[in-house]
Amino acid sequence: MQQTIDNFSTGGQDYALYRPESPSEVFDFLYANAKKFDTAWDCGTGNGQVAAKLAERFKTVYATDISEDQLKHAQQRANIIYRRERAEQTSFPDHSFDLITVAQAIHWFDFDAFYKEVRRVAKPGALFAAWTYSLLKLTPAVDKVINHFYLDITHPYWDKQRDYVDAKYQTIPFPFNEIKAPEIQIVKSYALEQLIGYLRTWSGVRHYMEKQKSDPIGLILHDLKQAWGTAEKLEVRWPVHVRAGFVS
């Protein structure tokens, strides 16, 4: 079994502050297709954004992550149970869950081992869904700076698993009875400081900092400010890519 990568054992507070939440359209899609609403498992929960949403509909939500720092900043609800566990090997009993979700995390997993675990803990006919969001879009001028930052400055420092995100999750193995998901976007309004905070949560940026001992944001900050202009806030859009299906 390959080693699970943990890029988020530090910076959990920044992640909670700056990472966008999954939009309501994702949950509307899940709830329209889930057969029961007793128990859900949010795997790779991070700071519990998805778990907190699921807790509004499910009686009990179990949320797991390998990052203790992320779990320390997780959103608390009476019906959410957080556990520090690997995705590929959990302590859950067989046939436990009506819904299993993975938001912006499955590309870090050992697919074969994880899917084996999903089949073990899923109830018959349970819904499984994994989703990610790809590179953000603002204005043409800002996009040009961010694309340069992503493709030319930080790209060598991303893990190879980032390729799955760039491919919109179409290249991940998906051994379930797939259903078609709608086109979805995350839409937020960010000040420039929020955008910079978000960029610093990128694992490629963190790897750059570790290896180069400097902050790559400094390489684009002047151009980013020029492209941003005088606006207090700008609309930010992330395309969301969902793979969902029933576990047989």
Protein backbone atom coordinates (compact mmCIF):
# COMPACT_ATOMS: atom_id res chain seq x y z
CA MET A 1 0.00 0.00 0.00
CA GLN A 2 1.40 3.38 -0.93
CA GLN A 3 1.99 6.09 1.65
CA THR A 4 -0.88 8.55 1.98
CA ILE A 5 0.34 12.11 1.42
CA ASP A 6 -0.44 14.68 4.12
CA ASN A 7 0.17 18.20 2.85
CA PHE A 8 -2.04 19.88 5.41
CA SER A 9 -0.69 18.99 8.86
CA THR A 10 0.17 22.66 9.24
CA GLY A 11 -1.81 25.69 8.19
CA GLY A 12 -5.18 24.37 9.27
CA GLN A 13 -6.28 27.81 10.46
CA ASP A 14 -5.41 29.40 7.09
CA TYR A 15 -7.20 26.56 5.32
CA ALA A 16 -10.33 27.21 7.36
CA LEU A 17 -10.14 30.95 6.72
CA TYR A 18 -9.38 31.05 3.01
CA ARG A 19 -10.47 27.85 1.28
CA PRO A 20 -13.89 28.15 -0.39
CA GLU A 21 -16.71 25.94 0.84
CA SER A 22 -18.52 23.48 -1.38
CA PRO A 23 -21.57 25.21 -2.87
CA SER A 24 -25.16 24.31 -2.02
CA GLU A 25 -25.66 22.86 -5.52
CA VAL A 26 -23.35 19.97 -4.62
CA PHE A 27 -25.46 19.07 -1.60
CA ASP A 28 -28.72 19.50 -3.50
CA PHE A 29 -27.40 16.95 -6.00
CA LEU A 30 -26.35 14.53 -3.24
CA TYR A 31 -29.64 14.79 -1.37
CA ALA A 32 -31.64 14.26 -4.54
CA ASN A 33 -29.86 10.92 -5.06
CA ALA A 34 -29.20 9.59 -1.55
CA LYS A 35 -31.60 6.83 -0.60
CA LYS A 36 -31.45 7.24 3.18
CA PHE A 37 -30.26 9.91 5.60
CA ASP A 38 -29.12 7.98 8.65
CA THR A 39 -25.31 7.93 8.52
CA ALA A 40 -22.75 9.67 6.34
CA TRP A 41 -18.94 9.50 6.21
CA ASP A 42 -17.00 12.55 5.07
CA CYS A 43 -13.51 11.30 4.31
CA GLY A 44 -10.57 13.71 4.17
CA THR A 45 -12.81 16.15 6.01
CA GLY A 46 -10.13 18.79 6.61
CA ASN A 47 -11.75 21.47 8.77
CA GLY A 48 -15.18 19.85 8.54
CA GLN A 49 -16.82 22.17 6.00
CA VAL A 50 -18.63 19.33 4.23
CA ALA A 51 -19.35 17.43 7.44
CA ALA A 52 -21.11 20.47 8.88
CA LYS A 53 -23.36 20.69 5.82
CA LEU A 54 -24.15 16.97 5.89
CA ALA A 55 -25.02 17.24 9.59
CA GLU A 56 -28.01 19.38 8.63
CA ARG A 57 -29.64 16.38 6.92
CA PHE A 58 -28.08 13.21 8.31
CA LYS A 59 -28.71 11.84 11.78
CA THR A 60 -25.03 11.09 12.32
CA VAL A 61 -21.95 12.19 10.38
CA TYR A 62 -18.54 10.61 10.83
CA ALA A 63 -15.68 12.73 9.56
CA THR A 64 -12.09 11.52 9.22
CA ASP A 65 -8.75 13.04 8.33
CA ILE A 66 -5.08 12.20 8.89
CA SER A 67 -4.21 15.79 9.81
CA GLU A 68 -4.50 16.56 13.50
CA ASP A 69 -4.07 20.29 12.79
CA GLN A 70 -7.00 20.27 10.38
CA LEU A 71 -9.21 18.45 12.87
CA LYS A 72 -8.31 20.95 15.61
CA HIS A 73 -9.96 23.64 13.48
CA ALA A 74 -12.95 21.52 12.46
CA GLN A 75 -16.50 22.83 12.74
CA GLN A 76 -18.24 21.24 15.72
CA ARG A 77 -21.81 19.93 15.64
CA ALA A 78 -23.61 17.66 18.11
CA ASN A 79 -24.10 14.95 15.48
CA ILE A 80 -20.59 15.00 13.96
CA ILE A 81 -18.00 12.54 15.23
CA TYR A 82 -14.44 13.38 14.17
CA ARG A 83 -11.73 10.73 14.01
CA ARG A 84 -8.10 10.86 12.97
CA GLU A 85 -7.93 7.89 10.60
CA ARG A 86 -6.50 6.98 7.23
CA ALA A 87 -8.98 6.87 4.37
CA GLU A 88 -7.82 3.42 3.35
CA GLN A 89 -8.15 1.77 6.77
CA THR A 90 -10.86 2.85 9.19
CA SER A 91 -12.38 1.43 12.35
CA PHE A 92 -15.95 1.57 11.03
CA PRO A 93 -18.09 -1.58 11.00
CA ASP A 94 -19.11 -3.15 7.71
CA HIS A 95 -22.13 -1.64 5.92
CA SER A 96 -22.29 1.55 8.01
CA PHE A 97 -23.02 4.42 5.63
CA ASP A 98 -25.78 5.70 3.36
CA LEU A 99 -23.48 8.36 1.85
CA ILE A 100 -19.70 8.63 1.54
CA THR A 101 -18.15 11.93 0.42
CA VAL A 102 -14.64 13.11 -0.42
CA ALA A 103 -14.18 16.81 -1.19
CA GLN A 104 -10.91 17.99 -2.76
CA ALA A 105 -9.00 15.03 -1.32
CA ILE A 106 -9.41 11.75 -3.20
CA HIS A 107 -6.45 12.47 -5.48
CA TRP A 108 -4.19 12.02 -2.43
CA PHE A 109 -5.52 8.53 -1.66
CA ASP A 110 -4.40 5.04 -2.60
CA PHE A 111 -7.33 4.40 -4.95
CA ASP A 112 -7.43 0.60 -4.80
CA ALA A 113 -7.18 0.42 -1.02
CA PHE A 114 -9.64 3.25 -0.50
CA TYR A 115 -12.25 1.85 -2.84
CA LYS A 116 -11.96 -1.51 -1.11
CA GLU A 117 -12.67 0.26 2.17
CA VAL A 118 -15.60 2.15 0.63
CA ARG A 119 -17.18 -1.11 -0.50
CA ARG A 120 -16.70 -2.58 2.98
CA VAL A 121 -18.30 0.27 4.94
CA ALA A 122 -21.02 1.29 2.46
CA LYS A 123 -24.55 0.05 2.90
CA PRO A 124 -26.01 -1.71 -0.16
CA GLY A 125 -26.88 0.98 -2.69
CA ALA A 126 -25.06 3.74 -0.81
CA LEU A 127 -24.15 6.88 -2.72
CA PHE A 128 -20.47 7.74 -3.15
CA ALA A 129 -19.33 11.17 -4.33
CA ALA A 130 -15.94 12.80 -4.82
CA TRP A 131 -15.46 16.32 -6.08
CA THR A 132 -12.81 18.92 -6.67
CA TYR A 133 -12.54 22.46 -7.94
CA SER A 134 -9.99 23.56 -10.50
CA LEU A 135 -8.12 26.81 -11.09
CA LEU A 136 -10.00 29.94 -10.08
CA LYS A 137 -11.15 32.67 -12.44
CA LEU A 138 -11.54 36.41 -11.75
CA THR A 139 -10.86 39.00 -14.46
CA PRO A 140 -8.71 38.49 -17.57
CA ALA A 141 -5.93 40.65 -16.09
CA VAL A 142 -5.87 38.87 -12.73
CA ASP A 143 -6.24 35.46 -14.39
CA LYS A 144 -3.11 36.14 -16.45
CA VAL A 145 -1.08 36.75 -13.28
CA ILE A 146 -2.49 33.70 -11.49
CA ASN A 147 -1.98 31.44 -14.50
CA HIS A 148 1.66 32.56 -14.63
CA PHE A 149 1.98 31.91 -10.90
CA TYR A 150 0.47 28.45 -11.26
CA LEU A 151 2.03 27.26 -14.51
CA ASP A 152 5.45 28.94 -14.45
CA ILE A 153 6.38 29.63 -10.83
CA THR A 154 4.78 26.97 -8.61
CA HIS A 155 4.00 24.16 -11.05
CA PRO A 156 7.31 22.27 -10.49
CA TYR A 157 6.52 22.18 -6.77
CA TRP A 158 3.11 20.53 -6.97
CA ASP A 159 2.75 16.82 -6.25
CA LYS A 160 1.97 14.68 -9.28
CA GLN A 161 -1.53 14.05 -7.87
CA ARG A 162 -2.41 17.59 -8.90
CA ASP A 163 -2.72 16.24 -12.44
CA TYR A 164 -6.01 14.59 -11.42
CA VAL A 165 -7.40 18.00 -10.46
CA ASP A 166 -6.21 19.60 -13.69
CA ALA A 167 -7.97 16.77 -15.55
CA LYS A 168 -11.20 17.63 -13.68
CA TYR A 169 -11.18 14.18 -12.00
CA GLN A 170 -11.91 12.51 -15.33
CA THR A 171 -8.75 10.39 -15.02
CA ILE A 172 -9.33 9.00 -11.53
CA PRO A 173 -10.55 5.41 -11.42
CA PHE A 174 -14.25 5.24 -10.59
CA PRO A 175 -15.54 1.68 -10.06
CA PHE A 176 -19.13 2.58 -9.15
CA ASN A 177 -22.43 2.89 -11.01
CA GLU A 178 -21.92 6.49 -12.06
CA ILE A 179 -24.61 9.11 -12.35
CA LYS A 180 -24.26 12.41 -14.18
CA ALA A 181 -23.64 15.49 -12.08
CA PRO A 182 -24.74 19.00 -13.08
CA GLU A 183 -22.35 21.82 -13.94
CA ILE A 184 -21.51 23.62 -10.71
CA GLN A 185 -19.41 26.62 -9.74
CA ILE A 186 -18.22 28.11 -6.47
CA VAL A 187 -18.79 31.86 -6.51
CA LYS A 188 -17.22 34.09 -3.85
CA SER A 189 -16.39 37.75 -3.41
CA TYR A 190 -12.76 38.24 -2.30
CA ALA A 191 -10.67 41.18 -1.25
CA LEU A 192 -7.09 41.07 -2.50
CA GLU A 193 -5.83 40.01 0.93
CA GLN A 194 -8.23 37.05 0.89
CA LEU A 195 -7.00 35.98 -2.53
CA ILE A 196 -3.40 36.08 -1.34
CA GLY A 197 -4.36 34.07 1.75
CA TYR A 198 -6.02 31.50 -0.47
CA LEU A 199 -2.99 31.22 -2.76
CA ARG A 200 -0.80 30.55 0.29
CA THR A 201 -2.92 27.47 1.12
CA TRP A 202 -1.87 25.80 -2.16
CA SER A 203 0.28 22.76 -1.48
CA GLY A 204 2.51 23.82 -4.39
CA VAL A 205 3.14 27.14 -2.65
CA ARG A 206 3.93 25.38 0.62
CA HIS A 207 6.40 23.09 -1.13
CA TYR A 208 8.01 26.11 -2.80
CA MET A 209 8.43 27.80 0.60
CA GLU A 210 9.97 24.68 2.11
CA LYS A 211 12.49 24.20 -0.69
CA GLN A 212 13.31 27.80 -1.61
CA LYS A 213 12.97 29.30 1.89
CA SER A 214 11.03 32.22 0.43
CA ASP A 215 7.44 33.21 -0.33
CA PRO A 216 6.65 32.99 -4.07
CA ILE A 217 3.79 35.46 -3.63
CA GLY A 218 6.47 38.15 -3.63
CA LEU A 219 7.26 37.31 -7.26
CA ILE A 220 3.78 38.29 -8.42
CA LEU A 221 2.60 40.76 -5.81
CA HIS A 222 3.31 43.92 -7.83
CA ASP A 223 1.68 42.52 -10.99
CA LEU A 224 -1.24 41.16 -8.97
CA LYS A 225 -1.92 44.56 -7.40
CA GLN A 226 -1.70 46.24 -10.80
CA ALA A 227 -4.11 43.72 -12.33
CA TRP A 228 -6.50 43.99 -9.37
CA GLY A 229 -6.85 47.74 -9.71
CA THR A 230 -8.90 49.82 -7.29
CA ALA A 231 -11.74 47.37 -6.61
CA GLU A 232 -12.41 46.60 -2.96
CA LYS A 233 -13.53 43.09 -3.90
CA LEU A 234 -13.76 40.96 -7.04
CA GLU A 235 -15.92 37.96 -7.91
CA VAL A 236 -14.01 34.68 -7.83
CA ARG A 237 -15.25 31.54 -9.58
CA TRP A 238 -14.01 27.97 -9.28
CA PRO A 239 -15.42 25.27 -11.61
CA VAL A 240 -16.53 22.24 -9.54
CA HIS A 241 -16.12 18.70 -10.91
CA VAL A 242 -18.20 15.93 -9.31
CA ARG A 243 -17.93 12.15 -9.77
CA ALA A 244 -20.80 10.31 -8.10
CA GLY A 245 -22.30 6.83 -8.22
CA PHE A 246 -23.91 4.01 -6.30
CA VAL A 247 -21.82 1.38 -4.54
CA SER A 248 -22.83 -2.09 -5.70
